[in-house]
Amino acid sequence: MKTISFDAEFRHDGKLHHFPVPELEIPVCEACGEKVFNEKVDDQITDELRRHLHLLFPHEIRAGLDRLNLSQKVLADRLGIAEATLSRWLTDTQIQSRAMDNLLRLYFALPEARKMLNEEEEMAAAASIIMFPAAQRSGRLSELAARKAALSKMDRTFPISA
């Protein structure tokens, strides 16, 4: 095992990101000097990508769930994603997009965002059961979309814990 400085490239959200991994612990072949990229090395690189892009780590998402006493299913429903997607974020098998990271931060940090997304979930459920007039339904959803857009422009440095 050797500790090296490594310049990484990683495609995320459709963009190629270049970033340094200053202390990458990696197996190196003693005979030829070739670097061996295994799962542990990949984990170090993805951790550094999260730091580089300022994305939440799985343990931070888990802490938000625990703090709000939410199940994965409830949070997934409120965010409008599949429970399996949230599970992949929590098990570090997939990195959430910037947009979803922003939504997670808003949801964890702001009671207003939680209320808005809870209302949107309730509205979607009601709309699927009872057919409201299209104008009434689209007006409320437009209002919620505008509120969500305004929240997304806020500073992304919300604390995870309250």
N, C-alpha and C. Protein backbone atom coordinates (compact mmCIF):
# COMPACT_ATOMS: atom_id res chain seq x y z
N MET A 1 0.86 -1.18 0.00
CA MET A 1 0.00 0.00 0.00
C MET A 1 0.89 1.23 0.00
N LYS A 2 0.51 2.21 -0.81
CA LYS A 2 1.28 3.42 -0.94
C LYS A 2 0.33 4.62 -0.88
N THR A 3 0.78 5.72 -0.30
CA THR A 3 -0.01 6.95 -0.27
C THR A 3 0.56 7.89 -1.32
N ILE A 4 -0.32 8.31 -2.24
CA ILE A 4 0.11 9.17 -3.34
C ILE A 4 -0.86 10.34 -3.49
N SER A 5 -0.44 11.34 -4.21
CA SER A 5 -1.32 12.41 -4.64
C SER A 5 -1.83 11.99 -6.02
N PHE A 6 -3.14 12.10 -6.23
CA PHE A 6 -3.74 11.59 -7.46
C PHE A 6 -4.68 12.65 -8.04
N ASP A 7 -4.57 12.90 -9.33
CA ASP A 7 -5.49 13.80 -10.03
C ASP A 7 -6.61 12.96 -10.63
N ALA A 8 -7.82 13.14 -10.09
CA ALA A 8 -8.95 12.31 -10.50
C ALA A 8 -9.83 13.02 -11.51
N GLU A 9 -10.51 12.24 -12.32
CA GLU A 9 -11.55 12.70 -13.23
C GLU A 9 -12.77 11.86 -12.95
N PHE A 10 -13.92 12.52 -12.83
CA PHE A 10 -15.14 11.80 -12.50
C PHE A 10 -16.30 12.53 -13.16
N ARG A 11 -17.14 11.78 -13.88
CA ARG A 11 -18.31 12.37 -14.52
C ARG A 11 -19.48 12.31 -13.54
N HIS A 12 -20.05 13.49 -13.27
CA HIS A 12 -21.20 13.59 -12.37
C HIS A 12 -22.14 14.66 -12.89
N ASP A 13 -23.42 14.37 -12.91
CA ASP A 13 -24.43 15.31 -13.42
C ASP A 13 -24.12 15.77 -14.84
N GLY A 14 -23.57 14.88 -15.64
CA GLY A 14 -23.30 15.20 -17.03
C GLY A 14 -22.06 16.04 -17.29
N LYS A 15 -21.29 16.30 -16.23
CA LYS A 15 -20.08 17.10 -16.38
C LYS A 15 -18.87 16.29 -15.92
N LEU A 16 -17.75 16.52 -16.58
CA LEU A 16 -16.51 15.88 -16.17
C LEU A 16 -15.82 16.79 -15.16
N HIS A 17 -15.57 16.26 -13.99
CA HIS A 17 -14.93 17.04 -12.91
C HIS A 17 -13.50 16.55 -12.72
N HIS A 18 -12.58 17.50 -12.59
CA HIS A 18 -11.17 17.21 -12.31
C HIS A 18 -10.91 17.72 -10.90
N PHE A 19 -10.30 16.88 -10.06
CA PHE A 19 -10.03 17.28 -8.68
C PHE A 19 -8.88 16.43 -8.14
N PRO A 20 -8.15 17.00 -7.20
CA PRO A 20 -7.04 16.23 -6.61
C PRO A 20 -7.52 15.36 -5.46
N VAL A 21 -6.89 14.22 -5.32
CA VAL A 21 -7.06 13.37 -4.14
C VAL A 21 -5.67 13.38 -3.48
N PRO A 22 -5.48 14.26 -2.48
CA PRO A 22 -4.13 14.51 -1.98
C PRO A 22 -3.45 13.33 -1.30
N GLU A 23 -4.20 12.46 -0.65
CA GLU A 23 -3.59 11.33 0.05
C GLU A 23 -4.33 10.04 -0.25
N LEU A 24 -4.21 9.58 -1.48
CA LEU A 24 -4.88 8.36 -1.91
C LEU A 24 -4.05 7.15 -1.49
N GLU A 25 -4.65 6.29 -0.69
CA GLU A 25 -3.99 5.05 -0.30
C GLU A 25 -4.35 3.99 -1.34
N ILE A 26 -3.34 3.50 -2.04
CA ILE A 26 -3.58 2.62 -3.18
C ILE A 26 -2.54 1.50 -3.22
N PRO A 27 -2.98 0.29 -3.54
CA PRO A 27 -2.00 -0.78 -3.74
C PRO A 27 -1.20 -0.53 -5.02
N VAL A 28 0.09 -0.75 -4.95
CA VAL A 28 0.97 -0.57 -6.10
C VAL A 28 1.79 -1.84 -6.27
N CYS A 29 1.82 -2.36 -7.49
CA CYS A 29 2.59 -3.56 -7.79
C CYS A 29 4.08 -3.27 -7.57
N GLU A 30 4.73 -4.10 -6.74
CA GLU A 30 6.15 -3.89 -6.46
C GLU A 30 7.02 -4.19 -7.68
N ALA A 31 6.56 -5.07 -8.55
CA ALA A 31 7.36 -5.46 -9.71
C ALA A 31 7.34 -4.40 -10.81
N CYS A 32 6.12 -3.89 -11.12
CA CYS A 32 6.03 -2.96 -12.27
C CYS A 32 5.60 -1.55 -11.89
N GLY A 33 5.16 -1.36 -10.66
CA GLY A 33 4.75 -0.03 -10.22
C GLY A 33 3.33 0.37 -10.63
N GLU A 34 2.57 -0.58 -11.21
CA GLU A 34 1.21 -0.27 -11.64
C GLU A 34 0.29 -0.11 -10.42
N LYS A 35 -0.58 0.90 -10.50
CA LYS A 35 -1.55 1.17 -9.43
C LYS A 35 -2.74 0.23 -9.59
N VAL A 36 -3.24 -0.28 -8.47
CA VAL A 36 -4.37 -1.20 -8.49
C VAL A 36 -5.59 -0.47 -7.91
N PHE A 37 -6.56 -0.21 -8.77
CA PHE A 37 -7.78 0.50 -8.36
C PHE A 37 -8.82 -0.51 -7.92
N ASN A 38 -8.96 -0.66 -6.62
CA ASN A 38 -9.95 -1.58 -6.07
C ASN A 38 -11.11 -0.78 -5.45
N GLU A 39 -12.03 -1.46 -4.79
CA GLU A 39 -13.21 -0.80 -4.21
C GLU A 39 -12.82 0.23 -3.15
N LYS A 40 -11.82 -0.08 -2.34
CA LYS A 40 -11.38 0.87 -1.31
C LYS A 40 -10.83 2.16 -1.94
N VAL A 41 -10.10 2.03 -3.02
CA VAL A 41 -9.55 3.19 -3.73
C VAL A 41 -10.70 3.99 -4.35
N ASP A 42 -11.65 3.28 -4.98
CA ASP A 42 -12.80 3.96 -5.57
C ASP A 42 -13.58 4.75 -4.51
N ASP A 43 -13.73 4.17 -3.32
CA ASP A 43 -14.43 4.85 -2.23
C ASP A 43 -13.72 6.14 -1.83
N GLN A 44 -12.40 6.10 -1.80
CA GLN A 44 -11.65 7.32 -1.46
C GLN A 44 -11.85 8.40 -2.51
N ILE A 45 -11.90 7.99 -3.76
CA ILE A 45 -12.08 8.95 -4.85
C ILE A 45 -13.49 9.54 -4.82
N THR A 46 -14.51 8.71 -4.60
CA THR A 46 -15.87 9.24 -4.54
C THR A 46 -16.07 10.13 -3.31
N ASP A 47 -15.41 9.80 -2.20
CA ASP A 47 -15.47 10.67 -1.02
C ASP A 47 -14.88 12.04 -1.35
N GLU A 48 -13.77 12.04 -2.06
CA GLU A 48 -13.14 13.30 -2.42
C GLU A 48 -14.00 14.08 -3.42
N LEU A 49 -14.69 13.37 -4.32
CA LEU A 49 -15.62 14.03 -5.23
C LEU A 49 -16.73 14.72 -4.45
N ARG A 50 -17.30 14.03 -3.46
CA ARG A 50 -18.34 14.64 -2.63
C ARG A 50 -17.81 15.91 -1.96
N ARG A 51 -16.60 15.84 -1.42
CA ARG A 51 -16.01 17.03 -0.79
C ARG A 51 -15.81 18.14 -1.82
N HIS A 52 -15.30 17.77 -2.98
CA HIS A 52 -15.03 18.74 -4.05
C HIS A 52 -16.32 19.44 -4.50
N LEU A 53 -17.41 18.69 -4.62
CA LEU A 53 -18.69 19.23 -5.09
C LEU A 53 -19.59 19.70 -3.95
N HIS A 54 -19.13 19.52 -2.72
CA HIS A 54 -19.90 19.90 -1.53
C HIS A 54 -21.24 19.18 -1.49
N LEU A 55 -21.21 17.87 -1.74
CA LEU A 55 -22.41 17.04 -1.68
C LEU A 55 -22.49 16.34 -0.33
N LEU A 56 -23.70 16.08 0.11
CA LEU A 56 -23.90 15.36 1.37
C LEU A 56 -23.33 13.94 1.26
N PHE A 57 -22.73 13.49 2.36
CA PHE A 57 -22.27 12.12 2.47
C PHE A 57 -23.43 11.25 2.96
N PRO A 58 -23.38 9.94 2.72
CA PRO A 58 -24.46 9.07 3.19
C PRO A 58 -24.75 9.22 4.69
N HIS A 59 -23.72 9.35 5.52
CA HIS A 59 -23.97 9.47 6.96
C HIS A 59 -24.68 10.78 7.29
N GLU A 60 -24.50 11.81 6.46
CA GLU A 60 -25.19 13.09 6.69
C GLU A 60 -26.67 12.97 6.30
N ILE A 61 -26.94 12.24 5.23
CA ILE A 61 -28.34 12.00 4.84
C ILE A 61 -29.02 11.18 5.93
N ARG A 62 -28.33 10.15 6.40
CA ARG A 62 -28.87 9.30 7.47
C ARG A 62 -29.15 10.14 8.73
N ALA A 63 -28.24 11.04 9.08
CA ALA A 63 -28.43 11.90 10.25
C ALA A 63 -29.67 12.78 10.10
N GLY A 64 -29.90 13.28 8.88
CA GLY A 64 -31.11 14.07 8.62
C GLY A 64 -32.37 13.24 8.79
N LEU A 65 -32.35 12.03 8.28
CA LEU A 65 -33.49 11.11 8.47
C LEU A 65 -33.74 10.85 9.94
N ASP A 66 -32.68 10.54 10.67
CA ASP A 66 -32.81 10.23 12.09
C ASP A 66 -33.30 11.43 12.89
N ARG A 67 -32.76 12.61 12.58
CA ARG A 67 -33.14 13.82 13.31
C ARG A 67 -34.63 14.12 13.14
N LEU A 68 -35.15 13.86 11.94
CA LEU A 68 -36.56 14.12 11.67
C LEU A 68 -37.44 12.90 11.94
N ASN A 69 -36.80 11.81 12.37
CA ASN A 69 -37.51 10.57 12.68
C ASN A 69 -38.36 10.10 11.49
N LEU A 70 -37.71 10.06 10.31
CA LEU A 70 -38.39 9.65 9.08
C LEU A 70 -37.86 8.32 8.59
N SER A 71 -38.74 7.56 7.98
CA SER A 71 -38.30 6.33 7.31
C SER A 71 -37.80 6.70 5.92
N GLN A 72 -37.06 5.78 5.31
CA GLN A 72 -36.60 6.00 3.94
C GLN A 72 -37.79 6.16 3.00
N LYS A 73 -38.83 5.37 3.21
CA LYS A 73 -40.01 5.42 2.34
C LYS A 73 -40.67 6.78 2.40
N VAL A 74 -40.85 7.32 3.60
CA VAL A 74 -41.51 8.62 3.74
C VAL A 74 -40.69 9.71 3.07
N LEU A 75 -39.38 9.73 3.32
CA LEU A 75 -38.55 10.76 2.70
C LEU A 75 -38.55 10.62 1.18
N ALA A 76 -38.43 9.41 0.70
CA ALA A 76 -38.44 9.19 -0.75
C ALA A 76 -39.75 9.69 -1.36
N ASP A 77 -40.86 9.38 -0.73
CA ASP A 77 -42.16 9.85 -1.23
C ASP A 77 -42.22 11.37 -1.26
N ARG A 78 -41.74 12.01 -0.22
CA ARG A 78 -41.80 13.46 -0.14
C ARG A 78 -40.87 14.14 -1.14
N LEU A 79 -39.76 13.48 -1.47
CA LEU A 79 -38.84 14.05 -2.46
C LEU A 79 -39.25 13.70 -3.90
N GLY A 80 -40.18 12.75 -4.01
CA GLY A 80 -40.62 12.34 -5.35
C GLY A 80 -39.66 11.41 -6.03
N ILE A 81 -38.96 10.58 -5.25
CA ILE A 81 -38.01 9.62 -5.81
C ILE A 81 -38.38 8.22 -5.35
N ALA A 82 -37.79 7.22 -5.98
CA ALA A 82 -38.01 5.84 -5.57
C ALA A 82 -37.25 5.56 -4.28
N GLU A 83 -37.83 4.75 -3.44
CA GLU A 83 -37.17 4.37 -2.19
C GLU A 83 -35.82 3.70 -2.48
N ALA A 84 -35.74 2.95 -3.58
CA ALA A 84 -34.49 2.28 -3.95
C ALA A 84 -33.40 3.31 -4.27
N THR A 85 -33.78 4.44 -4.84
CA THR A 85 -32.81 5.49 -5.14
C THR A 85 -32.22 6.04 -3.86
N LEU A 86 -33.08 6.35 -2.89
CA LEU A 86 -32.60 6.85 -1.60
C LEU A 86 -31.71 5.81 -0.92
N SER A 87 -32.10 4.56 -1.02
CA SER A 87 -31.29 3.48 -0.44
C SER A 87 -29.89 3.45 -1.06
N ARG A 88 -29.80 3.66 -2.36
CA ARG A 88 -28.48 3.67 -3.02
C ARG A 88 -27.63 4.84 -2.54
N TRP A 89 -28.26 5.99 -2.27
CA TRP A 89 -27.51 7.12 -1.73
C TRP A 89 -27.00 6.79 -0.33
N LEU A 90 -27.83 6.12 0.46
CA LEU A 90 -27.47 5.81 1.85
C LEU A 90 -26.41 4.72 1.95
N THR A 91 -26.36 3.85 0.97
CA THR A 91 -25.36 2.77 0.98
C THR A 91 -24.14 3.12 0.15
N ASP A 92 -24.09 4.36 -0.34
CA ASP A 92 -22.94 4.87 -1.09
C ASP A 92 -22.70 4.11 -2.40
N THR A 93 -23.77 3.57 -2.99
CA THR A 93 -23.62 2.92 -4.28
C THR A 93 -23.97 3.86 -5.42
N GLN A 94 -24.53 5.03 -5.08
CA GLN A 94 -24.85 6.05 -6.07
C GLN A 94 -24.71 7.42 -5.41
N ILE A 95 -24.24 8.40 -6.16
CA ILE A 95 -24.11 9.76 -5.64
C ILE A 95 -25.29 10.57 -6.17
N GLN A 96 -25.96 11.25 -5.26
CA GLN A 96 -27.11 12.06 -5.64
C GLN A 96 -26.69 13.22 -6.53
N SER A 97 -27.60 13.67 -7.37
CA SER A 97 -27.34 14.83 -8.23
C SER A 97 -27.26 16.09 -7.38
N ARG A 98 -26.71 17.14 -7.96
CA ARG A 98 -26.65 18.44 -7.27
C ARG A 98 -28.06 18.90 -6.92
N ALA A 99 -29.00 18.75 -7.86
CA ALA A 99 -30.38 19.18 -7.61
C ALA A 99 -30.99 18.43 -6.43
N MET A 100 -30.79 17.12 -6.38
CA MET A 100 -31.35 16.35 -5.26
C MET A 100 -30.61 16.66 -3.96
N ASP A 101 -29.33 16.93 -4.04
CA ASP A 101 -28.59 17.32 -2.84
C ASP A 101 -29.15 18.63 -2.28
N ASN A 102 -29.42 19.58 -3.18
CA ASN A 102 -30.01 20.85 -2.75
C ASN A 102 -31.37 20.62 -2.09
N LEU A 103 -32.18 19.76 -2.68
CA LEU A 103 -33.50 19.47 -2.13
C LEU A 103 -33.39 18.79 -0.77
N LEU A 104 -32.46 17.86 -0.63
CA LEU A 104 -32.23 17.22 0.68
C LEU A 104 -31.85 18.26 1.74
N ARG A 105 -30.93 19.15 1.39
CA ARG A 105 -30.50 20.18 2.34
C ARG A 105 -31.66 21.07 2.76
N LEU A 106 -32.46 21.48 1.78
CA LEU A 106 -33.64 22.30 2.09
C LEU A 106 -34.60 21.55 3.00
N TYR A 107 -34.87 20.31 2.65
CA TYR A 107 -35.81 19.51 3.43
C TYR A 107 -35.33 19.33 4.86
N PHE A 108 -34.06 19.03 5.03
CA PHE A 108 -33.53 18.81 6.37
C PHE A 108 -33.44 20.10 7.19
N ALA A 109 -33.18 21.21 6.53
CA ALA A 109 -32.90 22.46 7.26
C ALA A 109 -34.12 23.34 7.51
N LEU A 110 -35.10 23.29 6.62
CA LEU A 110 -36.18 24.27 6.71
C LEU A 110 -37.55 23.62 6.92
N PRO A 111 -38.17 23.93 8.04
CA PRO A 111 -39.53 23.41 8.26
C PRO A 111 -40.49 23.82 7.14
N GLU A 112 -40.28 25.03 6.57
CA GLU A 112 -41.14 25.50 5.48
C GLU A 112 -41.03 24.59 4.25
N ALA A 113 -39.83 24.15 3.96
CA ALA A 113 -39.63 23.25 2.82
C ALA A 113 -40.30 21.90 3.09
N ARG A 114 -40.17 21.41 4.31
CA ARG A 114 -40.83 20.14 4.65
C ARG A 114 -42.34 20.28 4.51
N LYS A 115 -42.88 21.39 5.01
CA LYS A 115 -44.33 21.62 4.93
C LYS A 115 -44.76 21.67 3.46
N MET A 116 -44.02 22.41 2.65
CA MET A 116 -44.36 22.55 1.24
C MET A 116 -44.34 21.20 0.54
N LEU A 117 -43.30 20.41 0.77
CA LEU A 117 -43.21 19.11 0.11
C LEU A 117 -44.24 18.13 0.65
N ASN A 118 -44.58 18.23 1.91
CA ASN A 118 -45.63 17.39 2.48
C ASN A 118 -46.96 17.74 1.82
N GLU A 119 -47.22 19.05 1.65
CA GLU A 119 -48.45 19.50 0.99
C GLU A 119 -48.48 19.02 -0.46
N GLU A 120 -47.36 19.10 -1.14
CA GLU A 120 -47.32 18.67 -2.54
C GLU A 120 -47.61 17.18 -2.64
N GLU A 121 -47.05 16.40 -1.71
CA GLU A 121 -47.30 14.96 -1.70
C GLU A 121 -48.78 14.69 -1.46
N GLU A 122 -49.37 15.41 -0.49
CA GLU A 122 -50.79 15.24 -0.19
C GLU A 122 -51.64 15.64 -1.38
N MET A 123 -51.26 16.73 -2.05
CA MET A 123 -52.02 17.18 -3.22
C MET A 123 -51.95 16.16 -4.35
N ALA A 124 -50.77 15.62 -4.56
CA ALA A 124 -50.62 14.62 -5.63
C ALA A 124 -51.46 13.40 -5.33
N ALA A 125 -51.47 12.98 -4.06
CA ALA A 125 -52.28 11.82 -3.68
C ALA A 125 -53.76 12.12 -3.88
N ALA A 126 -54.19 13.30 -3.45
CA ALA A 126 -55.60 13.68 -3.60
C ALA A 126 -55.98 13.78 -5.07
N ALA A 127 -55.09 14.35 -5.87
CA ALA A 127 -55.39 14.52 -7.30
C ALA A 127 -55.53 13.18 -8.00
N SER A 128 -54.81 12.18 -7.52
CA SER A 128 -54.92 10.87 -8.16
C SER A 128 -56.20 10.15 -7.77
N ILE A 129 -56.82 10.56 -6.67
CA ILE A 129 -58.05 9.94 -6.20
C ILE A 129 -59.28 10.72 -6.68
N ILE A 130 -59.22 12.03 -6.52
CA ILE A 130 -60.35 12.90 -6.86
C ILE A 130 -59.89 13.83 -7.98
N MET A 131 -60.66 13.93 -9.03
CA MET A 131 -60.29 14.79 -10.15
C MET A 131 -60.72 16.22 -9.86
N PHE A 132 -59.77 17.07 -9.46
CA PHE A 132 -60.03 18.49 -9.26
C PHE A 132 -60.07 19.17 -10.62
N PRO A 133 -60.73 20.34 -10.71
CA PRO A 133 -60.66 21.08 -11.97
C PRO A 133 -59.19 21.37 -12.30
N ALA A 134 -58.84 21.25 -13.56
CA ALA A 134 -57.45 21.42 -14.00
C ALA A 134 -56.88 22.77 -13.60
N ALA A 135 -57.65 23.84 -13.70
CA ALA A 135 -57.13 25.18 -13.35
C ALA A 135 -56.77 25.26 -11.88
N GLN A 136 -57.63 24.71 -11.01
CA GLN A 136 -57.35 24.75 -9.58
C GLN A 136 -56.09 23.96 -9.26
N ARG A 137 -55.98 22.76 -9.85
CA ARG A 137 -54.84 21.89 -9.60
C ARG A 137 -53.55 22.53 -10.11
N SER A 138 -53.56 23.06 -11.34
CA SER A 138 -52.34 23.63 -11.89
C SER A 138 -51.95 24.92 -11.18
N GLY A 139 -52.93 25.69 -10.70
CA GLY A 139 -52.63 26.92 -9.95
C GLY A 139 -51.88 26.62 -8.67
N ARG A 140 -52.31 25.67 -7.90
CA ARG A 140 -51.65 25.33 -6.63
C ARG A 140 -50.27 24.73 -6.89
N LEU A 141 -50.18 23.86 -7.89
CA LEU A 141 -48.89 23.27 -8.19
C LEU A 141 -47.92 24.32 -8.71
N SER A 142 -48.41 25.30 -9.46
CA SER A 142 -47.55 26.39 -9.93
C SER A 142 -47.02 27.19 -8.76
N GLU A 143 -47.89 27.43 -7.77
CA GLU A 143 -47.46 28.16 -6.57
C GLU A 143 -46.37 27.38 -5.83
N LEU A 144 -46.58 26.07 -5.69
CA LEU A 144 -45.58 25.24 -5.01
C LEU A 144 -44.27 25.21 -5.81
N ALA A 145 -44.37 25.14 -7.13
CA ALA A 145 -43.16 25.13 -7.96
C ALA A 145 -42.40 26.44 -7.81
N ALA A 146 -43.12 27.56 -7.75
CA ALA A 146 -42.46 28.85 -7.57
C ALA A 146 -41.77 28.93 -6.22
N ARG A 147 -42.42 28.41 -5.17
CA ARG A 147 -41.80 28.41 -3.84
C ARG A 147 -40.55 27.53 -3.83
N LYS A 148 -40.64 26.38 -4.50
CA LYS A 148 -39.50 25.47 -4.57
C LYS A 148 -38.34 26.13 -5.32
N ALA A 149 -38.64 26.83 -6.41
CA ALA A 149 -37.60 27.52 -7.19
C ALA A 149 -36.93 28.60 -6.35
N ALA A 150 -37.72 29.34 -5.57
CA ALA A 150 -37.14 30.38 -4.72
C ALA A 150 -36.24 29.77 -3.66
N LEU A 151 -36.66 28.67 -3.08
CA LEU A 151 -35.84 28.01 -2.06
C LEU A 151 -34.54 27.48 -2.65
N SER A 152 -34.59 27.03 -3.90
CA SER A 152 -33.39 26.45 -4.51
C SER A 152 -32.31 27.49 -4.77
N LYS A 153 -32.69 28.78 -4.80
CA LYS A 153 -31.71 29.84 -5.02
C LYS A 153 -31.02 30.27 -3.74
N MET A 154 -31.45 29.72 -2.62
CA MET A 154 -30.86 30.10 -1.34
C MET A 154 -29.49 29.46 -1.18
N ASP A 155 -28.74 29.94 -0.22
CA ASP A 155 -27.39 29.43 0.10
C ASP A 155 -27.46 27.93 0.36
N ARG A 156 -26.51 27.17 -0.20
CA ARG A 156 -26.50 25.72 -0.06
C ARG A 156 -25.75 25.26 1.17
N THR A 157 -25.44 26.12 2.09
CA THR A 157 -24.64 25.72 3.25
C THR A 157 -25.50 25.55 4.49
N PHE A 158 -26.70 24.97 4.30
CA PHE A 158 -27.58 24.74 5.44
C PHE A 158 -26.98 23.67 6.34
N PRO A 159 -27.09 23.85 7.63
CA PRO A 159 -26.63 22.79 8.54
C PRO A 159 -27.59 21.61 8.46
N ILE A 160 -27.06 20.42 8.66
CA ILE A 160 -27.88 19.22 8.63
C ILE A 160 -28.64 19.05 9.95
N SER A 161 -28.03 19.41 11.04
CA SER A 161 -28.71 19.27 12.32
C SER A 161 -29.30 20.60 12.74
N ALA A 162 -30.39 20.50 13.50
CA ALA A 162 -31.05 21.74 13.95
C ALA A 162 -30.70 22.04 15.38
